[in-house]
PDB file of all heavy atoms in Angstrom:
ATOM      1  N   GLU A   1      16.980  26.819   5.547  1.00  0.00           N
ATOM      2  CA  GLU A   1      17.482  25.449   5.464  1.00  0.00           C
ATOM      3  C   GLU A   1      16.615  24.445   6.307  1.00  0.00           C
ATOM      4  O   GLU A   1      16.208  23.397   5.801  1.00  0.00           O
ATOM      5  CB  GLU A   1      18.920  25.317   5.791  1.00  0.00           C
ATOM      6  CG  GLU A   1      19.573  24.009   5.539  1.00  0.00           C
ATOM      7  CD  GLU A   1      19.509  23.574   4.115  1.00  0.00           C
ATOM      8  OE1 GLU A   1      19.672  24.436   3.180  1.00  0.00           O
ATOM      9  OE2 GLU A   1      19.378  22.372   3.794  1.00  0.00           O
ATOM     10  N   MET A   2      16.304  24.922   7.517  1.00  0.00           N
ATOM     11  CA  MET A   2      15.391  24.094   8.399  1.00  0.00           C
ATOM     12  C   MET A   2      14.053  23.913   7.770  1.00  0.00           C
ATOM     13  O   MET A   2      13.450  22.789   7.837  1.00  0.00           O
ATOM     14  CB  MET A   2      15.244  24.838   9.724  1.00  0.00           C
ATOM     15  CG  MET A   2      16.494  24.647  10.638  1.00  0.00           C
ATOM     16  SD  MET A   2      16.275  25.607  12.132  1.00  0.00           S
ATOM     17  CE  MET A   2      14.799  24.870  12.873  1.00  0.00           C
ATOM     18  N   ALA A   3      13.528  24.956   7.136  1.00  0.00           N
ATOM     19  CA  ALA A   3      12.261  24.866   6.538  1.00  0.00           C
ATOM     20  C   ALA A   3      12.232  23.885   5.354  1.00  0.00           C
ATOM     21  O   ALA A   3      11.330  23.106   5.231  1.00  0.00           O
ATOM     22  CB  ALA A   3      11.749  26.282   5.975  1.00  0.00           C
ATOM     23  N   ARG A   4      13.316  23.975   4.529  1.00  0.00           N
ATOM     24  CA  ARG A   4      13.400  23.040   3.416  1.00  0.00           C
ATOM     25  C   ARG A   4      13.469  21.582   3.876  1.00  0.00           C
ATOM     26  O   ARG A   4      12.849  20.704   3.300  1.00  0.00           O
ATOM     27  CB  ARG A   4      14.702  23.405   2.563  1.00  0.00           C
ATOM     28  CG  ARG A   4      14.455  24.529   1.576  1.00  0.00           C
ATOM     29  CD  ARG A   4      15.564  24.660   0.582  1.00  0.00           C
ATOM     30  NE  ARG A   4      16.786  25.163   1.211  1.00  0.00           N
ATOM     31  CZ  ARG A   4      17.121  26.501   1.205  1.00  0.00           C
ATOM     32  NH1 ARG A   4      16.275  27.365   0.600  1.00  0.00           N
ATOM     33  NH2 ARG A   4      18.191  26.859   1.802  1.00  0.00           N
ATOM     34  N   ASP A   5      14.320  21.392   5.031  1.00  0.00           N
ATOM     35  CA  ASP A   5      14.391  19.964   5.573  1.00  0.00           C
ATOM     36  C   ASP A   5      13.043  19.474   6.059  1.00  0.00           C
ATOM     37  O   ASP A   5      12.634  18.330   5.844  1.00  0.00           O
ATOM     38  CB  ASP A   5      15.351  20.002   6.716  1.00  0.00           C
ATOM     39  CG  ASP A   5      16.797  20.156   6.277  1.00  0.00           C
ATOM     40  OD1 ASP A   5      17.045  19.959   5.015  1.00  0.00           O
ATOM     41  OD2 ASP A   5      17.638  20.483   7.078  1.00  0.00           O
ATOM     42  N   GLU A   6      12.262  20.434   6.674  1.00  0.00           N
ATOM     43  CA  GLU A   6      10.854  20.079   7.174  1.00  0.00           C
ATOM     44  C   GLU A   6       9.956  19.674   6.036  1.00  0.00           C
ATOM     45  O   GLU A   6       9.258  18.758   6.064  1.00  0.00           O
ATOM     46  CB  GLU A   6      10.371  21.197   8.006  1.00  0.00           C
ATOM     47  CG  GLU A   6       9.012  20.932   8.664  1.00  0.00           C
ATOM     48  CD  GLU A   6       9.130  19.886   9.790  1.00  0.00           C
ATOM     49  OE1 GLU A   6      10.046  19.965  10.608  1.00  0.00           O
ATOM     50  OE2 GLU A   6       8.356  18.900   9.767  1.00  0.00           O
ATOM     51  N   ILE A   7      10.012  20.522   4.928  1.00  0.00           N
ATOM     52  CA  ILE A   7       9.150  20.254   3.824  1.00  0.00           C
ATOM     53  C   ILE A   7       9.461  18.955   3.156  1.00  0.00           C
ATOM     54  O   ILE A   7       8.652  18.087   2.870  1.00  0.00           O
ATOM     55  CB  ILE A   7       9.257  21.387   2.759  1.00  0.00           C
ATOM     56  CG1 ILE A   7       8.651  22.638   3.317  1.00  0.00           C
ATOM     57  CG2 ILE A   7       8.562  21.012   1.459  1.00  0.00           C
ATOM     58  CD1 ILE A   7       8.965  23.926   2.496  1.00  0.00           C
ATOM     59  N   GLU A   8      10.770  18.677   2.959  1.00  0.00           N
ATOM     60  CA  GLU A   8      11.241  17.495   2.347  1.00  0.00           C
ATOM     61  C   GLU A   8      10.880  16.209   3.140  1.00  0.00           C
ATOM     62  O   GLU A   8      10.374  15.273   2.588  1.00  0.00           O
ATOM     63  CB  GLU A   8      12.828  17.477   2.161  1.00  0.00           C
ATOM     64  CG  GLU A   8      13.325  16.407   1.334  1.00  0.00           C
ATOM     65  CD  GLU A   8      14.880  16.365   1.220  1.00  0.00           C
ATOM     66  OE1 GLU A   8      15.447  17.512   1.438  1.00  0.00           O
ATOM     67  OE2 GLU A   8      15.446  15.317   0.976  1.00  0.00           O
ATOM     68  N   ALA A   9      11.160  16.303   4.519  1.00  0.00           N
ATOM     69  CA  ALA A   9      10.765  15.142   5.356  1.00  0.00           C
ATOM     70  C   ALA A   9       9.288  14.846   5.360  1.00  0.00           C
ATOM     71  O   ALA A   9       8.809  13.681   5.227  1.00  0.00           O
ATOM     72  CB  ALA A   9      11.272  15.391   6.778  1.00  0.00           C
ATOM     73  N   SER A  10       8.446  15.957   5.448  1.00  0.00           N
ATOM     74  CA  SER A  10       6.984  15.757   5.502  1.00  0.00           C
ATOM     75  C   SER A  10       6.412  15.286   4.175  1.00  0.00           C
ATOM     76  O   SER A  10       5.555  14.503   4.102  1.00  0.00           O
ATOM     77  CB  SER A  10       6.403  17.112   5.842  1.00  0.00           C
ATOM     78  OG  SER A  10       6.786  17.471   7.210  1.00  0.00           O
ATOM     79  N   GLU A  11       6.938  15.781   3.023  1.00  0.00           N
ATOM     80  CA  GLU A  11       6.483  15.373   1.699  1.00  0.00           C
ATOM     81  C   GLU A  11       6.898  13.904   1.446  1.00  0.00           C
ATOM     82  O   GLU A  11       6.135  13.161   0.727  1.00  0.00           O
ATOM     83  CB  GLU A  11       7.123  16.274   0.594  1.00  0.00           C
ATOM     84  CG  GLU A  11       6.378  17.624   0.544  1.00  0.00           C
ATOM     85  CD  GLU A  11       6.920  18.488  -0.583  1.00  0.00           C
ATOM     86  OE1 GLU A  11       8.091  18.271  -1.018  1.00  0.00           O
ATOM     87  OE2 GLU A  11       6.217  19.481  -0.972  1.00  0.00           O
ATOM     88  N   GLU A  12       7.966  13.462   2.033  1.00  0.00           N
ATOM     89  CA  GLU A  12       8.394  12.068   1.868  1.00  0.00           C
ATOM     90  C   GLU A  12       7.417  11.135   2.602  1.00  0.00           C
ATOM     91  O   GLU A  12       7.102  10.046   2.122  1.00  0.00           O
ATOM     92  CB  GLU A  12       9.824  11.922   2.430  1.00  0.00           C
ATOM     93  CG  GLU A  12      10.453  10.532   2.033  1.00  0.00           C
ATOM     94  CD  GLU A  12      11.851  10.412   2.487  1.00  0.00           C
ATOM     95  OE1 GLU A  12      12.619  11.461   2.586  1.00  0.00           O
ATOM     96  OE2 GLU A  12      12.253   9.284   2.883  1.00  0.00           O
ATOM     97  N   MET A  13       7.051  11.555   3.718  1.00  0.00           N
ATOM     98  CA  MET A  13       6.096  10.726   4.599  1.00  0.00           C
ATOM     99  C   MET A  13       4.699  10.817   4.193  1.00  0.00           C
ATOM    100  O   MET A  13       3.883   9.877   4.402  1.00  0.00           O
ATOM    101  CB  MET A  13       6.232  11.106   6.004  1.00  0.00           C
ATOM    102  CG  MET A  13       7.513  10.670   6.731  1.00  0.00           C
ATOM    103  SD  MET A  13       7.553  11.253   8.517  1.00  0.00           S
ATOM    104  CE  MET A  13       6.163  10.309   9.161  1.00  0.00           C
ATOM    105  N   LEU A  14       4.227  11.926   3.578  1.00  0.00           N
ATOM    106  CA  LEU A  14       2.837  12.162   3.325  1.00  0.00           C
ATOM    107  C   LEU A  14       2.096  11.018   2.498  1.00  0.00           C
ATOM    108  O   LEU A  14       1.002  10.589   2.887  1.00  0.00           O
ATOM    109  CB  LEU A  14       2.706  13.530   2.592  1.00  0.00           C
ATOM    110  CG  LEU A  14       1.280  14.068   2.508  1.00  0.00           C
ATOM    111  CD1 LEU A  14       0.700  14.358   3.896  1.00  0.00           C
ATOM    112  CD2 LEU A  14       1.208  15.339   1.669  1.00  0.00           C
ATOM    113  N   PRO A  15       2.673  10.563   1.343  1.00  0.00           N
ATOM    114  CA  PRO A  15       2.000   9.535   0.565  1.00  0.00           C
ATOM    115  C   PRO A  15       1.681   8.270   1.404  1.00  0.00           C
ATOM    116  O   PRO A  15       0.588   7.697   1.250  1.00  0.00           O
ATOM    117  CB  PRO A  15       2.887   9.229  -0.563  1.00  0.00           C
ATOM    118  CG  PRO A  15       3.798  10.429  -0.723  1.00  0.00           C
ATOM    119  CD  PRO A  15       3.943  10.903   0.735  1.00  0.00           C
ATOM    120  N   LYS A  16       2.699   7.864   2.183  1.00  0.00           N
ATOM    121  CA  LYS A  16       2.496   6.614   3.053  1.00  0.00           C
ATOM    122  C   LYS A  16       1.375   6.839   4.044  1.00  0.00           C
ATOM    123  O   LYS A  16       0.459   5.981   4.115  1.00  0.00           O
ATOM    124  CB  LYS A  16       3.842   6.274   3.756  1.00  0.00           C
ATOM    125  CG  LYS A  16       3.704   5.136   4.659  1.00  0.00           C
ATOM    126  CD  LYS A  16       5.040   4.906   5.342  1.00  0.00           C
ATOM    127  CE  LYS A  16       4.986   3.747   6.371  1.00  0.00           C
ATOM    128  NZ  LYS A  16       4.286   4.103   7.566  1.00  0.00           N
ATOM    129  N   VAL A  17       1.441   7.993   4.726  1.00  0.00           N
ATOM    130  CA  VAL A  17       0.312   8.239   5.690  1.00  0.00           C
ATOM    131  C   VAL A  17      -1.046   8.388   5.051  1.00  0.00           C
ATOM    132  O   VAL A  17      -2.079   7.975   5.569  1.00  0.00           O
ATOM    133  CB  VAL A  17       0.646   9.451   6.650  1.00  0.00           C
ATOM    134  CG1 VAL A  17      -0.415   9.735   7.578  1.00  0.00           C
ATOM    135  CG2 VAL A  17       2.020   9.184   7.300  1.00  0.00           C
ATOM    136  N   GLU A  18      -1.066   9.007   3.868  1.00  0.00           N
ATOM    137  CA  GLU A  18      -2.290   9.215   3.124  1.00  0.00           C
ATOM    138  C   GLU A  18      -2.897   7.866   2.753  1.00  0.00           C
ATOM    139  O   GLU A  18      -4.136   7.563   2.898  1.00  0.00           O
ATOM    140  CB  GLU A  18      -2.010  10.001   1.884  1.00  0.00           C
ATOM    141  CG  GLU A  18      -3.307  10.301   1.083  1.00  0.00           C
ATOM    142  CD  GLU A  18      -3.057  11.242  -0.059  1.00  0.00           C
ATOM    143  OE1 GLU A  18      -2.463  12.327   0.152  1.00  0.00           O
ATOM    144  OE2 GLU A  18      -3.605  10.934  -1.147  1.00  0.00           O
ATOM    145  N   ARG A  19      -2.052   6.886   2.275  1.00  0.00           N
ATOM    146  CA  ARG A  19      -2.491   5.557   1.961  1.00  0.00           C
ATOM    147  C   ARG A  19      -3.111   4.842   3.256  1.00  0.00           C
ATOM    148  O   ARG A  19      -4.124   4.174   3.199  1.00  0.00           O
ATOM    149  CB  ARG A  19      -1.368   4.677   1.484  1.00  0.00           C
ATOM    150  CG  ARG A  19      -1.081   4.835   0.000  1.00  0.00           C
ATOM    151  CD  ARG A  19      -0.210   3.677  -0.563  1.00  0.00           C
ATOM    152  NE  ARG A  19       1.023   3.522   0.212  1.00  0.00           N
ATOM    153  CZ  ARG A  19       2.161   4.126  -0.012  1.00  0.00           C
ATOM    154  NH1 ARG A  19       2.239   5.093  -0.968  1.00  0.00           N
ATOM    155  NH2 ARG A  19       3.275   3.879   0.670  1.00  0.00           N
ATOM    156  N   GLU A  20      -2.381   4.970   4.336  1.00  0.00           N
ATOM    157  CA  GLU A  20      -2.872   4.380   5.626  1.00  0.00           C
ATOM    158  C   GLU A  20      -4.226   4.956   6.036  1.00  0.00           C
ATOM    159  O   GLU A  20      -5.079   4.269   6.497  1.00  0.00           O
ATOM    160  CB  GLU A  20      -1.832   4.619   6.717  1.00  0.00           C
ATOM    161  CG  GLU A  20      -0.596   3.826   6.507  1.00  0.00           C
ATOM    162  CD  GLU A  20       0.546   4.158   7.505  1.00  0.00           C
ATOM    163  OE1 GLU A  20       0.441   5.178   8.183  1.00  0.00           O
ATOM    164  OE2 GLU A  20       1.532   3.418   7.530  1.00  0.00           O
ATOM    165  N   VAL A  21      -4.417   6.295   5.881  1.00  0.00           N
ATOM    166  CA  VAL A  21      -5.711   6.910   6.167  1.00  0.00           C
ATOM    167  C   VAL A  21      -6.805   6.389   5.264  1.00  0.00           C
ATOM    168  O   VAL A  21      -7.856   5.997   5.746  1.00  0.00           O
ATOM    169  CB  VAL A  21      -5.644   8.463   5.923  1.00  0.00           C
ATOM    170  CG1 VAL A  21      -7.029   9.140   5.917  1.00  0.00           C
ATOM    171  CG2 VAL A  21      -4.792   9.040   7.069  1.00  0.00           C
ATOM    172  N   LYS A  22      -6.485   6.187   3.964  1.00  0.00           N
ATOM    173  CA  LYS A  22      -7.436   5.671   3.007  1.00  0.00           C
ATOM    174  C   LYS A  22      -7.826   4.221   3.335  1.00  0.00           C
ATOM    175  O   LYS A  22      -9.087   3.841   3.193  1.00  0.00           O
ATOM    176  CB  LYS A  22      -6.945   5.781   1.591  1.00  0.00           C
ATOM    177  CG  LYS A  22      -6.925   7.235   1.131  1.00  0.00           C
ATOM    178  CD  LYS A  22      -6.352   7.340  -0.324  1.00  0.00           C
ATOM    179  CE  LYS A  22      -6.476   8.765  -0.894  1.00  0.00           C
ATOM    180  NZ  LYS A  22      -5.981   8.888  -2.281  1.00  0.00           N
ATOM    181  N   PHE A  23      -6.902   3.435   3.740  1.00  0.00           N
ATOM    182  CA  PHE A  23      -7.156   2.050   4.138  1.00  0.00           C
ATOM    183  C   PHE A  23      -8.103   2.006   5.301  1.00  0.00           C
ATOM    184  O   PHE A  23      -9.090   1.248   5.383  1.00  0.00           O
ATOM    185  CB  PHE A  23      -5.882   1.248   4.516  1.00  0.00           C
ATOM    186  CG  PHE A  23      -5.038   0.916   3.350  1.00  0.00           C
ATOM    187  CD1 PHE A  23      -3.679   0.808   3.417  1.00  0.00           C
ATOM    188  CD2 PHE A  23      -5.647   0.556   2.108  1.00  0.00           C
ATOM    189  CE1 PHE A  23      -2.900   0.347   2.372  1.00  0.00           C
ATOM    190  CE2 PHE A  23      -4.883   0.164   1.024  1.00  0.00           C
ATOM    191  CZ  PHE A  23      -3.547   0.099   1.135  1.00  0.00           C
ATOM    192  N   LEU A  24      -7.904   2.921   6.273  1.00  0.00           N
ATOM    193  CA  LEU A  24      -8.743   3.014   7.528  1.00  0.00           C
ATOM    194  C   LEU A  24     -10.087   3.528   7.159  1.00  0.00           C
ATOM    195  O   LEU A  24     -11.038   3.237   7.905  1.00  0.00           O
ATOM    196  CB  LEU A  24      -8.045   3.815   8.560  1.00  0.00           C
ATOM    197  CG  LEU A  24      -6.858   3.273   9.273  1.00  0.00           C
ATOM    198  CD1 LEU A  24      -6.218   4.309  10.182  1.00  0.00           C
ATOM    199  CD2 LEU A  24      -7.286   1.991  10.104  1.00  0.00           C
ATOM    200  N   LEU A  25     -10.217   4.315   6.066  1.00  0.00           N
ATOM    201  CA  LEU A  25     -11.539   4.779   5.680  1.00  0.00           C
ATOM    202  C   LEU A  25     -12.468   3.694   5.043  1.00  0.00           C
ATOM    203  O   LEU A  25     -13.662   3.840   5.022  1.00  0.00           O
ATOM    204  CB  LEU A  25     -11.440   5.859   4.678  1.00  0.00           C
ATOM    205  CG  LEU A  25     -11.028   7.269   5.255  1.00  0.00           C
ATOM    206  CD1 LEU A  25     -10.737   8.272   4.203  1.00  0.00           C
ATOM    207  CD2 LEU A  25     -12.174   7.871   6.103  1.00  0.00           C
ATOM    208  N   VAL A  26     -11.799   2.596   4.515  1.00  0.00           N
ATOM    209  CA  VAL A  26     -12.571   1.481   3.971  1.00  0.00           C
ATOM    210  C   VAL A  26     -13.338   0.819   5.111  1.00  0.00           C
ATOM    211  O   VAL A  26     -12.683   0.429   6.083  1.00  0.00           O
ATOM    212  CB  VAL A  26     -11.653   0.500   3.219  1.00  0.00           C
ATOM    213  CG1 VAL A  26     -12.421  -0.701   2.708  1.00  0.00           C
ATOM    214  CG2 VAL A  26     -10.897   1.192   2.099  1.00  0.00           C
ATOM    215  N   PRO A  27     -14.634   0.651   4.925  1.00  0.00           N
ATOM    216  CA  PRO A  27     -15.405  -0.027   6.031  1.00  0.00           C
ATOM    217  C   PRO A  27     -14.811  -1.449   6.317  1.00  0.00           C
ATOM    218  O   PRO A  27     -14.634  -2.210   5.390  1.00  0.00           O
ATOM    219  CB  PRO A  27     -16.831  -0.068   5.442  1.00  0.00           C
ATOM    220  CG  PRO A  27     -16.907   0.994   4.407  1.00  0.00           C
ATOM    221  CD  PRO A  27     -15.475   1.058   3.793  1.00  0.00           C
ATOM    222  N   ALA A  28     -14.553  -1.642   7.615  1.00  0.00           N
ATOM    223  CA  ALA A  28     -14.076  -2.995   8.020  1.00  0.00           C
ATOM    224  C   ALA A  28     -15.157  -3.990   8.054  1.00  0.00           C
ATOM    225  O   ALA A  28     -16.363  -3.606   8.155  1.00  0.00           O
ATOM    226  CB  ALA A  28     -13.400  -2.881   9.344  1.00  0.00           C
ATOM    227  N   ASP A  29     -14.888  -5.287   7.875  1.00  0.00           N
ATOM    228  CA  ASP A  29     -15.794  -6.313   8.127  1.00  0.00           C
ATOM    229  C   ASP A  29     -16.300  -6.225   9.532  1.00  0.00           C
ATOM    230  O   ASP A  29     -15.395  -6.208  10.483  1.00  0.00           O
ATOM    231  CB  ASP A  29     -15.098  -7.677   7.875  1.00  0.00           C
ATOM    232  CG  ASP A  29     -16.023  -8.823   8.044  1.00  0.00           C
ATOM    233  OD1 ASP A  29     -17.061  -8.770   8.718  1.00  0.00           O
ATOM    234  OD2 ASP A  29     -15.774  -9.838   7.382  1.00  0.00           O
ATOM    235  N   PRO A  30     -17.603  -6.125   9.803  1.00  0.00           N
ATOM    236  CA  PRO A  30     -18.031  -5.916  11.186  1.00  0.00           C
ATOM    237  C   PRO A  30     -17.626  -7.126  12.134  1.00  0.00           C
ATOM    238  O   PRO A  30     -17.644  -7.001  13.351  1.00  0.00           O
ATOM    239  CB  PRO A  30     -19.561  -5.868  11.074  1.00  0.00           C
ATOM    240  CG  PRO A  30     -19.874  -6.397   9.714  1.00  0.00           C
ATOM    241  CD  PRO A  30     -18.635  -6.122   8.900  1.00  0.00           C
ATOM    242  N   GLU A  31     -17.271  -8.303  11.476  1.00  0.00           N
ATOM    243  CA  GLU A  31     -16.868  -9.427  12.320  1.00  0.00           C
ATOM    244  C   GLU A  31     -15.411  -9.384  12.700  1.00  0.00           C
ATOM    245  O   GLU A  31     -14.991 -10.127  13.617  1.00  0.00           O
ATOM    246  CB  GLU A  31     -17.076 -10.691  11.550  1.00  0.00           C
ATOM    247  CG  GLU A  31     -18.418 -10.779  10.860  1.00  0.00           C
ATOM    248  CD  GLU A  31     -19.603 -10.655  11.765  1.00  0.00           C
ATOM    249  OE1 GLU A  31     -19.613 -11.311  12.884  1.00  0.00           O
ATOM    250  OE2 GLU A  31     -20.491  -9.842  11.478  1.00  0.00           O
ATOM    251  N   ASP A  32     -14.540  -8.484  12.165  1.00  0.00           N
ATOM    252  CA  ASP A  32     -13.076  -8.516  12.374  1.00  0.00           C
ATOM    253  C   ASP A  32     -12.740  -8.434  13.779  1.00  0.00           C
ATOM    254  O   ASP A  32     -11.675  -9.026  14.224  1.00  0.00           O
ATOM    255  CB  ASP A  32     -12.447  -7.369  11.555  1.00  0.00           C
ATOM    256  CG  ASP A  32     -12.316  -7.732  10.105  1.00  0.00           C
ATOM    257  OD1 ASP A  32     -12.641  -8.898   9.737  1.00  0.00           O
ATOM    258  OD2 ASP A  32     -11.824  -6.937   9.352  1.00  0.00           O
ATOM    259  N   GLY A  33     -13.432  -7.757  14.668  1.00  0.00           N
ATOM    260  CA  GLY A  33     -13.066  -7.611  16.024  1.00  0.00           C
ATOM    261  C   GLY A  33     -13.395  -8.769  16.944  1.00  0.00           C
ATOM    262  O   GLY A  33     -13.038  -8.838  18.102  1.00  0.00           O
ATOM    263  N   LYS A  34     -14.107  -9.756  16.351  1.00  0.00           N
ATOM    264  CA  LYS A  34     -14.522 -10.919  17.220  1.00  0.00           C
ATOM    265  C   LYS A  34     -13.437 -11.931  17.525  1.00  0.00           C
ATOM    266  O   LYS A  34     -12.454 -11.916  16.829  1.00  0.00           O
ATOM    267  CB  LYS A  34     -15.714 -11.608  16.497  1.00  0.00           C
ATOM    268  CG  LYS A  34     -17.035 -10.839  16.414  1.00  0.00           C
ATOM    269  CD  LYS A  34     -18.119 -11.670  15.707  1.00  0.00           C
ATOM    270  CE  LYS A  34     -19.347 -10.906  15.563  1.00  0.00           C
ATOM    271  NZ  LYS A  34     -20.174 -10.898  16.746  1.00  0.00           N
ATOM    272  N   ASN A  35     -13.699 -12.755  18.576  1.00  0.00           N
ATOM    273  CA  ASN A  35     -12.956 -13.917  18.771  1.00  0.00           C
ATOM    274  C   ASN A  35     -13.193 -14.856  17.664  1.00  0.00           C
ATOM    275  O   ASN A  35     -14.111 -14.738  16.844  1.00  0.00           O
ATOM    276  CB  ASN A  35     -13.279 -14.525  20.110  1.00  0.00           C
ATOM    277  CG  ASN A  35     -12.985 -13.614  21.269  1.00  0.00           C
ATOM    278  OD1 ASN A  35     -11.950 -12.895  21.249  1.00  0.00           O
ATOM    279  ND2 ASN A  35     -13.768 -13.726  22.329  1.00  0.00           N
ATOM    280  N   ALA A  36     -12.432 -16.067  17.540  1.00  0.00           N
ATOM    281  CA  ALA A  36     -12.663 -16.949  16.510  1.00  0.00           C
ATOM    282  C   ALA A  36     -12.626 -18.420  16.989  1.00  0.00           C
ATOM    283  O   ALA A  36     -12.104 -18.759  18.024  1.00  0.00           O
ATOM    284  CB  ALA A  36     -11.513 -16.800  15.460  1.00  0.00           C
ATOM    285  N   ILE A  37     -13.324 -19.203  16.181  1.00  0.00           N
ATOM    286  CA  ILE A  37     -13.297 -20.677  16.330  1.00  0.00           C
ATOM    287  C   ILE A  37     -12.369 -21.141  15.193  1.00  0.00           C
ATOM    288  O   ILE A  37     -12.611 -20.864  13.990  1.00  0.00           O
ATOM    289  CB  ILE A  37     -14.668 -21.299  16.249  1.00  0.00           C
ATOM    290  CG1 ILE A  37     -15.653 -20.771  17.314  1.00  0.00           C
ATOM    291  CG2 ILE A  37     -14.547 -22.808  16.320  1.00  0.00           C
ATOM    292  CD1 ILE A  37     -15.328 -21.118  18.698  1.00  0.00           C
ATOM    293  N   LEU A  38     -11.367 -21.889  15.569  1.00  0.00           N
ATOM    294  CA  LEU A  38     -10.352 -22.466  14.612  1.00  0.00           C
ATOM    295  C   LEU A  38     -10.554 -23.901  14.459  1.00  0.00           C
ATOM    296  O   LEU A  38     -10.533 -24.614  15.493  1.00  0.00           O
ATOM    297  CB  LEU A  38      -8.976 -22.084  15.072  1.00  0.00           C
ATOM    298  CG  LEU A  38      -7.811 -22.782  14.374  1.00  0.00           C
ATOM    299  CD1 LEU A  38      -7.652 -22.215  12.983  1.00  0.00           C
ATOM    300  CD2 LEU A  38      -6.484 -22.567  15.165  1.00  0.00           C
ATOM    301  N   GLU A  39     -10.742 -24.367  13.287  1.00  0.00           N
ATOM    302  CA  GLU A  39     -10.926 -25.836  13.024  1.00  0.00           C
ATOM    303  C   GLU A  39      -9.856 -26.262  12.002  1.00  0.00           C
ATOM    304  O   GLU A  39      -9.625 -25.623  11.003  1.00  0.00           O
ATOM    305  CB  GLU A  39     -12.251 -26.131  12.318  1.00  0.00           C
ATOM    306  CG  GLU A  39     -13.540 -25.668  12.995  1.00  0.00           C
ATOM    307  CD  GLU A  39     -14.774 -25.920  12.141  1.00  0.00           C
ATOM    308  OE1 GLU A  39     -14.655 -26.332  11.027  1.00  0.00           O
ATOM    309  OE2 GLU A  39     -15.888 -25.654  12.628  1.00  0.00           O
ATOM    310  N   ILE A  40      -9.156 -27.347  12.383  1.00  0.00           N
ATOM    311  CA  ILE A  40      -8.207 -27.949  11.433  1.00  0.00           C
ATOM    312  C   ILE A  40      -8.657 -29.340  11.217  1.00  0.00           C
ATOM    313  O   ILE A  40      -8.790 -30.174  12.244  1.00  0.00           O
ATOM    314  CB  ILE A  40      -6.825 -27.879  11.983  1.00  0.00           C
ATOM    315  CG1 ILE A  40      -6.429 -26.441  12.303  1.00  0.00           C
ATOM    316  CG2 ILE A  40      -5.813 -28.444  10.987  1.00  0.00           C
ATOM    317  CD1 ILE A  40      -5.128 -26.233  13.137  1.00  0.00           C
TER     318      ILE A  40
END
């Protein structure tokens, strides 16, 4: 029963974490980490 609960909980979380991993794999804009000048 513990094993089934562990599988169920992990399988439920896996797609979300997989999406997050894939987003992080996309190359970021090299400027994203910089400070900014804001004009209004």
